[in-house]
């Protein structure tokens, strides 16, 4: 049987012969060069952050200059590229020239894509600070919700561009989203993995994305819709997504400055910034290996694993453990885990593991509408009931994310549900992120990632309780009752579970919160 090829690779030069050595996983620390058999250590600077801060997945797109395609029946070519940075990461906008000469942009959006065109306004815009995150406003007669208000700056530019902000100079960027329209959905929910909520694939419009760029005066305004790269009929795409590493480089343990090791046989090296002498006798990766052994949280699905869900190959590129707390009872807490999945054509989605079961969620393009009392929310014609409100904190991270993720990040969350369809609101001071998805069976997860030998470990509440049949005697019932009492007692002790001591995601005394997954205050903008 043919094995699935990875969507993402990590490449470092061999210190012995210079040949490229590839790593399948972001968490791998060492590899052996196939050419000269030298042991290669990935960048210590990057690896030393595993478990503290994830790497930034800053170049995932298969797009490049001169890619051509078709949008709404009109041919276009990508002729320019702008890369921006904001507080939680980076994003890229590709300048597209349409066949009729107009300019458009194909932009990254929450790990997916939005195709946008300039919008002429009917009235003058207020200052950026007037747009409060979470508030609603009308623009050209359409109601929008403010999803993000960030200070951003231009990192780099390529090719032909209709505008060019000053390099490195901060300016405001406001993003608003409108409510989507719905049509009949025979499945009773939103399928995210295969369809990505693009209008052309689902028959539904998930809403518009309106961006206000205050880098120029008057501000540039554009409006766009979610698109799938497959639907754009693109040609000339990059063949691979590879992150190149500097194989013998790490952070100085004293001052944090980058330190390069030129010779594979070196046993010590001095830091050029603070003159500290650094012992290399145990190898560049020795400190990292020790740190990994000390980490209590272990993903059930290894980073780098490729699995097939709904006919698409997804690679696990990021992992985080999160804790939720009830504001009315801060001592009560529960945990869950999130795996970031990547597909070169579809971007990113999250596979969430909680005590209530497994689910797949993805940020929405449009803005769901929450009721005035906060007890329900409506999206694409479906009404979701509130299940839980809680505060969330990231307690462990590894691998790569397309927004900046680190330990200690906190958000305010609300989870809504309609049958097996899920909707989640996550809010930080600068962003509001809605995500939607569906619950899936644990057997589906095991089959997708070839983990049939771990089926029992992957089982959650979706497996259902064992039934008492006529053949079960009274004594057996009493024994089962005593076991349940013991189980409840043990679970009650975990209500103050410490993720530094144990993995709380499968032992929580409470299963309702955190079951849908959120986005750690990142990714809501681009």
Protein backbone atom coordinates (compact mmCIF):
# COMPACT_ATOMS: atom_id res chain seq x y z
CA UNK A 1 0.00 0.00 0.00
CA UNK A 2 1.38 3.41 -0.95
CA UNK A 3 2.07 5.73 1.95
CA UNK A 4 0.77 9.30 2.01
CA UNK A 5 3.40 11.91 1.26
CA UNK A 6 3.89 14.66 3.85
CA UNK A 7 2.34 18.05 3.11
CA UNK A 8 5.13 19.80 4.98
CA UNK A 9 8.87 19.05 5.26
CA UNK A 10 11.74 20.48 7.31
CA UNK A 11 15.16 20.66 5.70
CA UNK A 12 18.57 21.28 7.28
CA UNK A 13 22.07 21.11 5.76
CA UNK A 14 24.34 18.25 6.84
CA UNK A 15 27.28 19.66 8.83
CA UNK A 16 29.54 16.99 7.33
CA UNK A 17 28.88 17.20 3.58
CA UNK A 18 26.32 19.98 3.14
CA UNK A 19 23.69 17.74 1.56
CA UNK A 20 20.05 18.53 2.45
CA UNK A 21 18.59 16.35 5.21
CA UNK A 22 14.82 16.27 5.58
CA UNK A 23 12.80 15.89 8.79
CA UNK A 24 9.23 14.63 8.66
CA UNK A 25 8.17 16.21 11.95
CA UNK A 26 8.67 19.61 13.55
CA UNK A 27 9.37 17.83 16.82
CA UNK A 28 12.20 15.64 15.50
CA UNK A 29 15.54 16.68 16.97
CA UNK A 30 18.02 14.58 14.99
CA UNK A 31 18.39 12.82 11.65
CA UNK A 32 21.12 10.84 9.89
CA UNK A 33 22.44 12.13 6.56
CA UNK A 34 21.80 9.60 3.79
CA UNK A 35 24.97 10.69 1.98
CA UNK A 36 27.72 10.65 4.64
CA UNK A 37 25.87 9.15 7.65
CA UNK A 38 26.55 12.24 9.80
CA UNK A 39 24.09 12.98 12.60
CA UNK A 40 22.28 16.25 11.94
CA UNK A 41 20.70 18.40 14.68
CA UNK A 42 17.94 20.80 13.73
CA UNK A 43 18.22 24.45 14.66
CA UNK A 44 18.64 24.57 18.43
CA UNK A 45 17.16 28.05 18.56
CA UNK A 46 13.91 26.75 17.15
CA UNK A 47 13.88 23.46 18.98
CA UNK A 48 14.59 25.01 22.37
CA UNK A 49 11.16 26.62 22.13
CA UNK A 50 9.29 23.33 21.77
CA UNK A 51 6.92 23.06 24.70
CA UNK A 52 7.13 26.81 25.35
CA UNK A 53 6.37 28.48 22.02
CA UNK A 54 5.45 26.91 18.71
CA UNK A 55 7.24 27.71 15.49
CA UNK A 56 5.49 30.17 13.19
CA UNK A 57 4.20 28.44 10.06
CA UNK A 58 5.05 31.46 7.94
CA UNK A 59 5.38 29.99 4.44
CA UNK A 60 2.71 27.37 3.87
CA UNK A 61 1.21 28.58 0.61
CA UNK A 62 1.80 26.82 -2.72
CA UNK A 63 1.25 30.21 -4.43
CA UNK A 64 4.05 32.09 -6.17
CA UNK A 65 4.49 34.88 -8.69
CA UNK A 66 3.14 34.22 -12.20
CA UNK A 67 0.57 31.68 -11.00
CA UNK A 68 -2.50 32.04 -13.20
CA UNK A 69 -6.12 31.09 -12.62
CA UNK A 70 -9.76 31.92 -13.16
CA UNK A 71 -12.13 33.78 -10.82
CA UNK A 72 -15.82 34.16 -11.66
CA UNK A 73 -15.11 33.45 -15.32
CA UNK A 74 -12.26 35.93 -15.62
CA UNK A 75 -8.61 35.01 -15.98
CA UNK A 76 -6.02 36.47 -13.61
CA UNK A 77 -2.28 36.31 -12.91
CA UNK A 78 -0.44 36.81 -9.62
CA UNK A 79 2.12 39.56 -10.26
CA UNK A 80 2.99 40.85 -6.77
CA UNK A 81 3.32 39.79 -3.14
CA UNK A 82 3.01 41.68 0.16
CA UNK A 83 3.88 40.01 3.47
CA UNK A 84 2.66 41.65 6.68
CA UNK A 85 3.38 41.07 10.35
CA UNK A 86 1.05 41.62 13.29
CA UNK A 87 1.11 40.67 16.96
CA UNK A 88 0.35 36.96 16.52
CA UNK A 89 2.04 36.18 13.23
CA UNK A 90 2.26 37.01 9.54
CA UNK A 91 0.10 36.79 6.46
CA UNK A 92 0.55 37.26 2.72
CA UNK A 93 -1.49 39.10 0.11
CA UNK A 94 -0.94 38.26 -3.55
CA UNK A 95 -1.65 41.03 -6.07
CA UNK A 96 -3.73 39.62 -8.94
CA UNK A 97 -4.26 41.39 -12.26
CA UNK A 98 -7.56 40.46 -13.89
CA UNK A 99 -8.01 40.09 -17.65
CA UNK A 100 -9.88 43.42 -17.78
CA UNK A 101 -6.93 45.21 -16.12
CA UNK A 102 -8.43 45.57 -12.65
CA UNK A 103 -6.45 44.76 -9.52
CA UNK A 104 -7.54 42.16 -6.97
CA UNK A 105 -5.93 40.36 -4.04
CA UNK A 106 -5.75 36.68 -3.11
CA UNK A 107 -5.11 36.76 0.64
CA UNK A 108 -4.48 34.18 3.33
CA UNK A 109 -7.31 34.13 5.87
CA UNK A 110 -7.23 31.92 8.96
CA UNK A 111 -5.24 29.33 7.07
CA UNK A 112 -7.62 29.50 4.08
CA UNK A 113 -7.97 32.03 1.24
CA UNK A 114 -10.09 35.07 0.36
CA UNK A 115 -10.31 36.68 -3.09
CA UNK A 116 -11.03 40.40 -2.72
CA UNK A 117 -11.53 43.46 -4.91
CA UNK A 118 -11.54 47.21 -4.10
CA UNK A 119 -14.73 48.63 -2.60
CA UNK A 120 -15.95 52.20 -3.11
CA UNK A 121 -17.55 53.64 0.03
CA UNK A 122 -20.70 55.73 0.25
CA UNK A 123 -19.42 57.75 3.21
CA UNK A 124 -16.18 58.66 4.92
CA UNK A 125 -14.69 56.11 7.32
CA UNK A 126 -14.12 56.88 11.00
CA UNK A 127 -10.68 56.58 12.61
CA UNK A 128 -9.44 53.04 13.22
CA UNK A 129 -9.79 53.30 17.00
CA UNK A 130 -13.54 53.81 16.60
CA UNK A 131 -13.94 50.19 15.48
CA UNK A 132 -14.40 48.16 18.66
CA UNK A 133 -13.75 44.41 18.36
CA UNK A 134 -17.04 42.50 18.62
CA UNK A 135 -19.23 45.52 17.78
CA UNK A 136 -21.48 45.72 14.72
CA UNK A 137 -21.60 48.53 12.18
CA UNK A 138 -23.14 49.19 8.77
CA UNK A 139 -20.98 49.83 5.70
CA UNK A 140 -22.67 50.58 2.39
CA UNK A 141 -25.93 49.39 3.94
CA UNK A 142 -24.61 45.97 5.00
CA UNK A 143 -24.18 44.93 8.63
CA UNK A 144 -20.67 43.82 9.63
CA UNK A 145 -19.08 42.62 12.85
CA UNK A 146 -15.63 43.93 13.76
CA UNK A 147 -13.45 40.80 13.92
CA UNK A 148 -10.00 42.35 14.30
CA UNK A 149 -8.31 45.70 14.93
CA UNK A 150 -4.54 45.34 14.76
CA UNK A 151 -1.35 47.31 14.30
CA UNK A 152 0.46 45.73 11.37
CA UNK A 153 3.62 46.45 9.38
CA UNK A 154 4.97 45.47 5.98
CA UNK A 155 7.75 42.87 6.15
CA UNK A 156 8.57 42.37 2.48
CA UNK A 157 7.27 42.94 -1.04
CA UNK A 158 7.84 41.41 -4.47
CA UNK A 159 6.77 42.07 -8.03
CA UNK A 160 4.20 44.60 -9.26
CA UNK A 161 2.04 46.28 -6.62
CA UNK A 162 -0.76 48.87 -6.66
CA UNK A 163 0.37 50.22 -3.28
CA UNK A 164 3.43 49.93 -1.07
CA UNK A 165 3.28 50.95 2.62
CA UNK A 166 6.51 52.06 4.27
CA UNK A 167 8.59 49.02 5.21
CA UNK A 168 8.43 48.24 8.94
CA UNK A 169 6.22 51.23 9.79
CA UNK A 170 3.15 50.24 11.90
CA UNK A 171 -0.34 51.18 10.78
CA UNK A 172 -3.89 50.09 11.63
CA UNK A 173 -5.69 47.30 9.81
CA UNK A 174 -9.35 46.64 10.64
CA UNK A 175 -11.20 43.54 9.50
CA UNK A 176 -14.97 43.12 9.51
CA UNK A 177 -17.13 40.13 8.61
CA UNK A 178 -20.75 39.86 7.52
CA UNK A 179 -23.31 37.20 8.30
CA UNK A 180 -23.54 34.45 5.68
CA UNK A 181 -26.63 33.32 3.84
CA UNK A 182 -27.89 29.75 3.95
CA UNK A 183 -29.57 27.17 1.78
CA UNK A 184 -30.95 23.71 2.50
CA UNK A 185 -28.38 21.49 4.15
CA UNK A 186 -29.55 17.86 3.99
CA UNK A 187 -26.86 16.70 6.39
CA UNK A 188 -27.96 19.06 9.13
CA UNK A 189 -24.51 20.52 9.64
CA UNK A 190 -21.49 22.13 8.06
CA UNK A 191 -18.85 19.89 6.52
CA UNK A 192 -15.58 21.71 6.85
CA UNK A 193 -12.73 19.50 5.78
CA UNK A 194 -13.66 18.78 2.21
CA UNK A 195 -15.55 21.95 1.42
CA UNK A 196 -13.91 24.72 3.45
CA UNK A 197 -17.13 26.75 3.40
CA UNK A 198 -16.44 28.17 -0.06
CA UNK A 199 -19.60 29.32 -1.82
CA UNK A 200 -18.84 27.47 -5.04
CA UNK A 201 -18.58 24.11 -3.26
CA UNK A 202 -21.41 24.32 -0.76
CA UNK A 203 -24.06 26.46 -2.44
CA UNK A 204 -23.98 28.74 0.59
CA UNK A 205 -22.30 32.08 1.15
CA UNK A 206 -20.44 32.11 4.48
CA UNK A 207 -20.26 35.90 4.46
CA UNK A 208 -17.93 38.62 3.23
CA UNK A 209 -14.60 39.79 4.60
CA UNK A 210 -14.13 43.56 4.51
CA UNK A 211 -10.63 44.93 5.16
CA UNK A 212 -9.76 48.55 5.90
CA UNK A 213 -6.08 49.40 5.37
CA UNK A 214 -5.11 52.61 7.17
CA UNK A 215 -1.61 52.51 5.69
CA UNK A 216 -2.70 55.10 3.13
CA UNK A 217 -4.95 58.15 3.19
CA UNK A 218 -7.74 57.78 2.45
CA UNK A 219 -7.73 54.16 3.68
CA UNK A 220 -7.86 51.35 1.14
CA UNK A 221 -11.01 49.25 1.44
CA UNK A 222 -11.54 45.83 -0.12
CA UNK A 223 -14.22 43.17 0.12
CA UNK A 224 -13.78 39.49 -0.51
CA UNK A 225 -15.22 36.00 -0.26
CA UNK A 226 -13.78 32.66 0.78
CA UNK A 227 -12.38 30.59 -2.08
CA UNK A 228 -10.82 27.17 -2.58
CA UNK A 229 -7.60 27.04 -4.55
CA UNK A 230 -8.99 24.08 -6.49
CA UNK A 231 -11.93 26.19 -7.66
CA UNK A 232 -9.60 28.89 -9.02
CA UNK A 233 -8.14 26.41 -11.55
CA UNK A 234 -4.61 27.53 -10.76
CA UNK A 235 -1.54 26.62 -12.78
CA UNK A 236 2.11 27.18 -11.93
CA UNK A 237 1.86 26.34 -8.21
CA UNK A 238 4.87 25.41 -6.10
CA UNK A 239 5.41 21.67 -5.81
CA UNK A 240 6.29 21.54 -2.10
CA UNK A 241 6.12 23.34 1.23
CA UNK A 242 9.54 23.20 2.88
CA UNK A 243 10.99 25.09 5.82
CA UNK A 244 14.77 25.40 5.59
CA UNK A 245 16.72 25.25 8.82
CA UNK A 246 20.29 26.19 9.69
CA UNK A 247 21.49 22.86 10.98
CA UNK A 248 24.10 23.92 13.58
CA UNK A 249 22.68 27.00 15.23
CA UNK A 250 21.10 27.59 18.63
CA UNK A 251 20.38 30.27 21.22
CA UNK A 252 23.01 31.26 23.76
CA UNK A 253 21.77 29.97 27.15
CA UNK A 254 23.06 33.17 28.79
CA UNK A 255 21.88 36.02 26.55
CA UNK A 256 19.71 34.32 23.90
CA UNK A 257 21.76 35.54 20.92
CA UNK A 258 22.13 33.13 17.96
CA UNK A 259 25.27 30.98 18.12
CA UNK A 260 26.55 29.11 15.05
CA UNK A 261 28.64 25.92 15.23
CA UNK A 262 30.86 25.64 12.15
CA UNK A 263 32.52 22.29 12.82
CA UNK A 264 30.72 19.06 13.65
CA UNK A 265 33.61 18.06 15.97
CA UNK A 266 33.43 21.20 18.15
CA UNK A 267 33.13 20.53 21.90
CA UNK A 268 32.68 24.15 22.99
CA UNK A 269 31.95 27.51 21.42
CA UNK A 270 31.90 31.11 22.66
CA UNK A 271 28.99 33.50 22.21
CA UNK A 272 29.95 36.54 20.13
CA UNK A 273 27.43 38.70 21.99
CA UNK A 274 28.22 38.01 25.66
CA UNK A 275 31.48 35.96 25.39
CA UNK A 276 29.98 33.06 27.38
CA UNK A 277 31.71 29.72 26.84
CA UNK A 278 29.14 27.08 25.90
CA UNK A 279 29.72 23.35 26.44
CA UNK A 280 28.84 21.24 23.38
CA UNK A 281 30.22 17.94 24.69
CA UNK A 282 26.70 16.50 25.00
CA UNK A 283 25.66 17.79 21.58
CA UNK A 284 23.59 20.75 20.47
CA UNK A 285 20.35 18.85 21.01
CA UNK A 286 21.18 17.47 24.47
CA UNK A 287 19.38 20.21 26.41
CA UNK A 288 16.35 19.89 24.15
CA UNK A 289 16.12 16.10 24.57
CA UNK A 290 16.16 16.54 28.33
CA UNK A 291 13.42 19.17 28.11
CA UNK A 292 11.22 16.89 26.01
CA UNK A 293 11.62 14.07 28.56
CA UNK A 294 10.43 16.44 31.28
CA UNK A 295 7.26 17.42 29.43
CA UNK A 296 4.17 15.61 30.83
CA UNK A 297 1.92 16.06 27.78
CA UNK A 298 2.34 13.58 24.95
CA UNK A 299 0.27 13.78 21.76
CA UNK A 300 -1.53 10.57 20.81
CA UNK A 301 -0.97 11.43 17.14
CA UNK A 302 2.69 12.21 16.47
CA UNK A 303 3.68 15.42 14.73
CA UNK A 304 4.42 14.75 11.07
CA UNK A 305 1.82 11.98 10.80
CA UNK A 306 -0.27 12.07 7.61
CA UNK A 307 -3.91 10.98 7.75
CA UNK A 308 -6.79 10.86 5.26
CA UNK A 309 -10.05 12.56 6.25
CA UNK A 310 -12.91 12.90 3.77
CA UNK A 311 -10.65 11.99 0.89
CA UNK A 312 -7.90 14.52 1.65
CA UNK A 313 -4.41 13.99 3.07
CA UNK A 314 -3.78 16.05 6.22
CA UNK A 315 -0.46 16.30 8.03
CA UNK A 316 -0.25 16.96 11.78
CA UNK A 317 2.00 20.03 12.06
CA UNK A 318 1.06 21.49 15.46
CA UNK A 319 -0.17 20.34 18.86
CA UNK A 320 -1.38 22.21 21.93
CA UNK A 321 -2.91 21.33 25.30
CA UNK A 322 -5.39 23.81 26.75
CA UNK A 323 -7.16 24.25 30.08
CA UNK A 324 -10.60 25.74 30.67
CA UNK A 325 -11.89 27.35 33.86
CA UNK A 326 -15.42 28.28 34.87
CA UNK A 327 -15.44 32.00 35.86
CA UNK A 328 -17.97 31.23 38.61
CA UNK A 329 -15.69 28.53 40.07
CA UNK A 330 -12.01 29.20 39.18
CA UNK A 331 -10.90 26.07 41.06
CA UNK A 332 -12.80 23.83 38.65
CA UNK A 333 -10.88 23.17 35.45
CA UNK A 334 -10.86 20.80 32.49
CA UNK A 335 -8.46 20.10 29.65
CA UNK A 336 -8.48 19.25 25.97
CA UNK A 337 -6.00 18.95 23.11
CA UNK A 338 -5.86 20.36 19.60
CA UNK A 339 -3.96 19.03 16.59
CA UNK A 340 -3.33 21.51 13.76
CA UNK A 341 -3.72 19.75 10.40
CA UNK A 342 -2.28 21.06 7.13
CA UNK A 343 -3.11 20.39 3.49
CA UNK A 344 -1.22 22.28 0.80
CA UNK A 345 -4.40 23.11 -1.17
CA UNK A 346 -6.89 23.53 1.69
CA UNK A 347 -4.78 25.26 4.31
CA UNK A 348 -5.40 24.37 7.96
CA UNK A 349 -8.02 22.81 10.18
CA UNK A 350 -8.07 21.61 13.79
CA UNK A 351 -8.68 18.10 15.10
CA UNK A 352 -9.86 18.49 18.71
CA UNK A 353 -9.67 15.78 21.38
CA UNK A 354 -11.86 16.26 24.46
CA UNK A 355 -13.72 14.08 26.91
CA UNK A 356 -16.89 14.57 24.86
CA UNK A 357 -15.25 13.11 21.78
CA UNK A 358 -13.31 14.13 18.70
CA UNK A 359 -14.27 16.99 16.43
CA UNK A 360 -12.97 18.86 13.39
CA UNK A 361 -13.29 22.65 13.44
CA UNK A 362 -12.19 25.53 11.24
CA UNK A 363 -12.55 29.32 11.50
CA UNK A 364 -15.62 30.75 9.81
CA UNK A 365 -15.34 33.34 7.06
CA UNK A 366 -18.56 35.08 7.99
CA UNK A 367 -19.73 36.30 11.38
CA UNK A 368 -22.36 34.22 13.23
CA UNK A 369 -25.01 36.27 15.02
CA UNK A 370 -25.32 35.79 18.77
CA UNK A 371 -28.62 36.46 20.53
CA UNK A 372 -28.90 39.46 22.82
CA UNK A 373 -28.84 37.23 25.92
CA UNK A 374 -25.89 35.21 24.63
CA UNK A 375 -27.74 31.90 24.98
CA UNK A 376 -27.75 31.04 21.27
CA UNK A 377 -26.04 31.90 17.99
CA UNK A 378 -27.12 31.54 14.37
CA UNK A 379 -24.85 30.73 11.44
CA UNK A 380 -25.78 29.76 7.86
CA UNK A 381 -29.39 29.29 8.90
CA UNK A 382 -28.65 26.93 11.80
CA UNK A 383 -29.34 27.94 15.40
CA UNK A 384 -26.87 26.74 18.01
CA UNK A 385 -27.57 26.62 21.76
CA UNK A 386 -25.00 27.74 24.30
CA UNK A 387 -23.39 24.83 26.16
CA UNK A 388 -20.59 26.48 28.11
CA UNK A 389 -18.85 29.78 28.83
CA UNK A 390 -15.32 29.64 30.23
CA UNK A 391 -11.85 31.13 30.14
CA UNK A 392 -9.13 29.15 28.32
CA UNK A 393 -5.36 29.02 28.66
CA UNK A 394 -2.73 27.27 26.56
CA UNK A 395 -0.55 25.09 28.78
CA UNK A 396 1.67 23.27 26.25
CA UNK A 397 2.58 23.72 22.57
CA UNK A 398 4.75 21.92 20.03
CA UNK A 399 5.31 22.06 16.29
CA UNK A 400 4.13 24.85 13.99
CA UNK A 401 1.08 27.13 13.92
CA UNK A 402 0.12 29.79 11.40
CA UNK A 403 -0.38 32.25 14.25
CA UNK A 404 1.91 32.76 17.23
CA UNK A 405 1.11 30.29 20.00
CA UNK A 406 2.85 30.10 23.38
CA UNK A 407 2.15 28.91 26.87
CA UNK A 408 0.04 31.19 29.02
CA UNK A 409 -2.12 32.65 26.22
CA UNK A 410 -5.64 33.31 27.51
CA UNK A 411 -9.00 33.85 25.84
CA UNK A 412 -12.69 34.05 26.73
CA UNK A 413 -14.67 31.24 25.08
CA UNK A 414 -18.26 30.25 24.41
CA UNK A 415 -19.26 26.87 22.97
CA UNK A 416 -22.55 26.34 21.10
CA UNK A 417 -24.00 23.14 19.63
CA UNK A 418 -26.75 21.95 17.33
CA UNK A 419 -26.76 18.16 17.35
CA UNK A 420 -23.28 17.13 16.23
CA UNK A 421 -22.64 20.52 14.63
CA UNK A 422 -20.46 22.83 16.68
CA UNK A 423 -19.85 26.55 16.88
CA UNK A 424 -17.27 28.25 19.09
CA UNK A 425 -16.53 31.90 19.92
CA UNK A 426 -13.09 32.87 21.15
CA UNK A 427 -12.26 36.46 22.09
CA UNK A 428 -9.09 38.34 23.01
CA UNK A 429 -8.64 42.13 23.31
CA UNK A 430 -7.81 42.55 19.61
CA UNK A 431 -9.69 39.72 17.92
CA UNK A 432 -12.92 37.76 17.78
CA UNK A 433 -12.64 34.33 16.16
CA UNK A 434 -15.61 32.09 15.38
CA UNK A 435 -14.98 28.48 14.39
CA UNK A 436 -17.43 25.80 13.25
CA UNK A 437 -17.28 22.08 12.71
CA UNK A 438 -18.64 18.64 13.49
CA UNK A 439 -18.06 15.81 15.91
CA UNK A 440 -16.50 12.67 14.43
CA UNK A 441 -16.20 9.12 15.72
CA UNK A 442 -13.00 7.98 17.42
CA UNK A 443 -12.89 5.00 15.03
CA UNK A 444 -12.71 7.49 12.16
CA UNK A 445 -9.67 9.13 13.75
CA UNK A 446 -7.98 5.77 14.32
CA UNK A 447 -8.55 4.68 10.73
CA UNK A 448 -7.53 8.03 9.24
CA UNK A 449 -4.13 8.12 10.97
CA UNK A 450 -3.55 4.33 10.95
CA UNK A 451 -3.79 4.07 14.73
CA UNK A 452 -5.95 0.98 14.98
CA UNK A 453 -3.56 -0.32 17.66
CA UNK A 454 -4.50 2.72 19.78
CA UNK A 455 -8.27 2.49 19.29
CA UNK A 456 -8.91 2.05 23.01
CA UNK A 457 -6.78 5.11 23.86
CA UNK A 458 -8.65 7.17 21.28
CA UNK A 459 -12.14 6.23 22.51
CA UNK A 460 -14.12 9.02 24.12
CA UNK A 461 -17.74 9.44 25.18
CA UNK A 462 -18.83 9.00 21.57
CA UNK A 463 -18.27 5.25 22.02
CA UNK A 464 -21.41 5.12 24.17
CA UNK A 465 -22.02 3.32 27.49
CA UNK A 466 -22.23 -0.43 27.81
CA UNK A 467 -25.81 -1.63 28.10
CA UNK A 468 -27.14 -3.90 30.85
CA UNK A 469 -28.75 -6.93 29.23
CA UNK A 470 -31.03 -9.57 30.66
CA UNK A 471 -28.03 -11.81 31.24
CA UNK A 472 -26.47 -9.44 33.77
CA UNK A 473 -27.08 -10.57 37.31
CA UNK A 474 -27.86 -8.47 40.37
CA UNK A 475 -24.36 -8.98 41.79
CA UNK A 476 -22.81 -7.69 38.62
CA UNK A 477 -24.99 -4.58 38.80
CA UNK A 478 -23.82 -3.90 42.38
CA UNK A 479 -20.18 -4.31 41.36
CA UNK A 480 -20.68 -1.94 38.44
CA UNK A 481 -22.35 0.57 40.77
CA UNK A 482 -19.37 0.46 43.16
CA UNK A 483 -16.96 0.89 40.25
CA UNK A 484 -18.90 3.94 39.06
CA UNK A 485 -18.77 5.47 42.55
CA UNK A 486 -15.01 4.91 42.69
CA UNK A 487 -14.63 6.40 39.22
CA UNK A 488 -16.59 9.51 40.19
CA UNK A 489 -14.48 9.90 43.32
CA UNK A 490 -11.25 9.72 41.31
CA UNK A 491 -12.57 12.19 38.74
CA UNK A 492 -13.57 14.66 41.45
CA UNK A 493 -9.95 14.72 42.57
CA UNK A 494 -8.95 15.77 39.04
CA UNK A 495 -11.10 18.91 39.08
CA UNK A 496 -7.96 20.71 40.14
CA UNK A 497 -5.80 18.82 37.68
CA UNK A 498 -2.33 20.25 37.07
CA UNK A 499 -1.15 19.84 33.44
CA UNK A 500 2.45 19.98 34.66
CA UNK A 501 1.82 16.72 36.51
CA UNK A 502 -0.65 14.87 34.29
CA UNK A 503 -2.49 15.09 31.02
CA UNK A 504 -5.84 16.59 32.01
CA UNK A 505 -7.60 16.16 28.70
CA UNK A 506 -8.82 12.64 29.42
CA UNK A 507 -9.34 12.80 33.19
CA UNK A 508 -11.41 15.94 33.60
CA UNK A 509 -14.35 15.87 36.00
CA UNK A 510 -16.23 17.96 33.50
CA UNK A 511 -16.71 17.14 29.86
CA UNK A 512 -18.79 19.94 28.43
CA UNK A 513 -16.30 22.77 28.19
CA UNK A 514 -13.61 23.08 25.60
CA UNK A 515 -15.00 20.32 23.45
CA UNK A 516 -15.07 22.29 20.22
CA UNK A 517 -11.65 23.87 20.15
CA UNK A 518 -10.60 27.45 19.72
CA UNK A 519 -7.71 29.39 18.35
CA UNK A 520 -5.53 30.73 21.20
CA UNK A 521 -6.19 34.37 20.40
CA UNK A 522 -4.45 34.03 17.05
CA UNK A 523 -5.42 33.57 13.44
CA UNK A 524 -8.50 35.76 13.57
CA UNK A 525 -7.06 38.31 11.18
CA UNK A 526 -5.05 36.58 8.51
